[in-house]
Amino acid sequence: MKMVDPVPINASALLQRMEHRLEEIALKGGGGGGISDGMDGRVSALEAHMEHVREDTREIKALLGGISDKLSAMPTKSDLWSWKLQWTAIGIGMVAIIIGGIIGGLAWIQPEPTPPAPAQPIVVTIPK
C-alpha cells in the first residue's frame, strides 16, 4: 500500500469555509417568512428521491435473490473434490484396461513356442 504524505492544513481558512457553508445551508430565521421558507419543496423533492431509492432497493433485492438461487445451484468445494477423485479413479481404471488390452493382444498374436525335442538319453558305460 502506497503511503501518502500528509498535506498541511490551514485551520483558520478551513474554519472560515465551514462557517460560510453552514450559513448557506442554514434555515432562514426571523423576518416574516418563518424558518420553513422553501421547506415544503425540499421535503417533496426528498420524498420523490426516497421513492426512487425504494424502487431501486426492490430491484436490487430481486437481483440478489436471482444471484442467490444461481449460487445455491453451483457445486461446492466438496463436490468438486469428490468429482476430482472420481475422475482420477476412472482415468486409472481406463489406463489399466488399455494396458491389459495391449498385453493381452500381444500375447494372443505371439506364436506358440515349439516344444523342445526330447532329449536323447545319456548312456554311461562303466568298464568292468
Protein backbone atom coordinates (compact mmCIF):
# COMPACT_ATOMS: atom_id res chain seq x y z
CA MET A 1 0.00 0.00 0.00
CA LYS A 2 1.40 3.37 -1.01
CA MET A 3 1.72 5.86 1.84
CA VAL A 4 0.63 9.42 1.10
CA ASP A 5 2.42 12.33 2.70
CA PRO A 6 0.12 14.43 4.90
CA VAL A 7 -0.98 17.72 3.42
CA PRO A 8 -0.55 20.77 5.68
CA ILE A 9 -3.92 22.20 6.71
CA ASN A 10 -4.64 25.86 7.15
CA ALA A 11 -7.02 25.60 10.09
CA SER A 12 -8.31 29.17 10.01
CA ALA A 13 -9.14 29.02 6.28
CA LEU A 14 -10.85 25.68 6.76
CA LEU A 15 -12.90 27.06 9.66
CA GLN A 16 -13.96 30.09 7.62
CA ARG A 17 -15.07 27.89 4.72
CA MET A 18 -17.05 25.65 7.07
CA GLU A 19 -18.79 28.67 8.70
CA HIS A 20 -19.63 30.11 5.28
CA ARG A 21 -21.07 26.77 4.13
CA LEU A 22 -23.15 26.47 7.32
CA GLU A 23 -24.58 29.95 6.70
CA GLU A 24 -25.55 28.93 3.15
CA ILE A 25 -27.40 25.79 4.19
CA ALA A 26 -28.87 27.04 7.47
CA LEU A 27 -32.62 27.52 7.77
CA LYS A 28 -33.74 31.09 7.43
CA GLY A 29 -34.71 32.72 10.64
CA GLY A 30 -36.61 35.91 11.54
CA GLY A 31 -38.10 38.35 9.07
CA GLY A 32 -41.67 37.22 8.48
CA GLY A 33 -41.02 34.12 6.45
CA GLY A 34 -40.56 31.84 9.40
CA ILE A 35 -37.92 29.16 9.40
CA SER A 36 -39.53 26.98 6.75
CA ASP A 37 -39.13 29.07 3.59
CA GLY A 38 -38.83 26.59 0.77
CA MET A 39 -39.01 23.65 3.18
CA ASP A 40 -42.10 22.14 1.51
CA GLY A 41 -40.40 22.00 -1.87
CA ARG A 42 -37.29 20.45 -0.42
CA VAL A 43 -39.28 17.86 1.54
CA SER A 44 -41.30 16.99 -1.59
CA ALA A 45 -38.09 16.54 -3.56
CA LEU A 46 -36.66 14.31 -0.82
CA GLU A 47 -39.85 12.22 -0.76
CA ALA A 48 -39.65 11.75 -4.54
CA HIS A 49 -35.99 10.75 -4.27
CA MET A 50 -36.82 8.29 -1.49
CA GLU A 51 -39.46 6.66 -3.70
CA HIS A 52 -36.79 6.13 -6.36
CA VAL A 53 -34.46 4.74 -3.70
CA ARG A 54 -37.18 2.29 -2.60
CA GLU A 55 -37.74 1.17 -6.20
CA ASP A 56 -34.01 0.69 -6.71
CA THR A 57 -33.80 -1.25 -3.44
CA ARG A 58 -36.60 -3.58 -4.61
CA GLU A 59 -34.76 -4.17 -7.88
CA ILE A 60 -31.51 -4.87 -6.05
CA LYS A 61 -33.27 -7.36 -3.74
CA ALA A 62 -34.75 -9.14 -6.76
CA LEU A 63 -31.33 -9.33 -8.42
CA LEU A 64 -29.73 -10.62 -5.24
CA GLY A 65 -32.42 -13.28 -4.98
CA GLY A 66 -31.59 -14.44 -8.52
CA ILE A 67 -27.89 -14.48 -7.76
CA SER A 68 -28.55 -16.41 -4.56
CA ASP A 69 -30.55 -19.02 -6.49
CA LYS A 70 -27.74 -19.39 -9.02
CA LEU A 71 -25.12 -19.70 -6.27
CA SER A 72 -27.11 -22.40 -4.48
CA ALA A 73 -27.20 -24.43 -7.71
CA MET A 74 -23.43 -24.24 -8.18
CA PRO A 75 -21.21 -27.09 -6.92
CA THR A 76 -19.47 -26.69 -3.61
CA LYS A 77 -15.79 -27.25 -2.91
CA SER A 78 -16.52 -30.73 -1.54
CA ASP A 79 -18.50 -31.56 -4.71
CA LEU A 80 -15.57 -30.54 -6.88
CA TRP A 81 -13.15 -32.55 -4.73
CA SER A 82 -15.27 -35.71 -4.92
CA TRP A 83 -15.63 -35.30 -8.69
CA LYS A 84 -11.86 -34.96 -8.96
CA LEU A 85 -11.37 -38.21 -7.07
CA GLN A 86 -13.99 -39.97 -9.21
CA TRP A 87 -12.43 -38.84 -12.47
CA THR A 88 -8.98 -39.80 -11.21
CA ALA A 89 -10.24 -43.31 -10.39
CA ILE A 90 -11.92 -43.57 -13.81
CA GLY A 91 -8.68 -42.46 -15.50
CA ILE A 92 -6.59 -45.01 -13.62
CA GLY A 93 -9.12 -47.72 -14.47
CA MET A 94 -9.06 -46.78 -18.16
CA VAL A 95 -5.25 -46.86 -18.23
CA ALA A 96 -5.28 -50.31 -16.60
CA ILE A 97 -7.83 -51.61 -19.13
CA ILE A 98 -5.83 -50.22 -22.07
CA ILE A 99 -2.54 -51.68 -20.82
CA GLY A 100 -4.24 -55.02 -20.13
CA GLY A 101 -5.70 -55.00 -23.64
CA ILE A 102 -2.33 -54.29 -25.20
CA ILE A 103 -0.63 -57.04 -23.22
CA GLY A 104 -3.46 -59.48 -23.95
CA GLY A 105 -3.43 -58.62 -27.64
CA LEU A 106 0.30 -59.08 -27.91
CA ALA A 107 0.07 -62.41 -26.08
CA TRP A 108 -2.69 -63.54 -28.43
CA ILE A 109 -0.70 -62.82 -31.62
CA GLN A 110 2.53 -64.31 -30.30
CA PRO A 111 3.16 -67.74 -31.86
CA GLU A 112 3.14 -70.71 -29.58
CA PRO A 113 6.67 -71.83 -28.80
CA THR A 114 7.54 -75.22 -30.21
CA PRO A 115 8.30 -77.72 -27.54
CA PRO A 116 11.93 -78.72 -27.45
CA ALA A 117 12.83 -82.09 -28.97
CA PRO A 118 13.00 -84.84 -26.43
CA ALA A 119 16.48 -85.16 -25.12
CA GLN A 120 18.46 -88.22 -26.03
CA PRO A 121 19.07 -90.35 -23.02
CA ILE A 122 22.58 -90.22 -21.71
CA VAL A 123 24.13 -93.62 -21.64
CA VAL A 124 27.03 -94.16 -19.32
CA THR A 125 29.01 -97.34 -19.62
CA ILE A 126 31.00 -98.45 -16.75
CA PRO A 127 34.06 -100.62 -17.51
CA LYS A 128 34.26 -103.94 -15.70
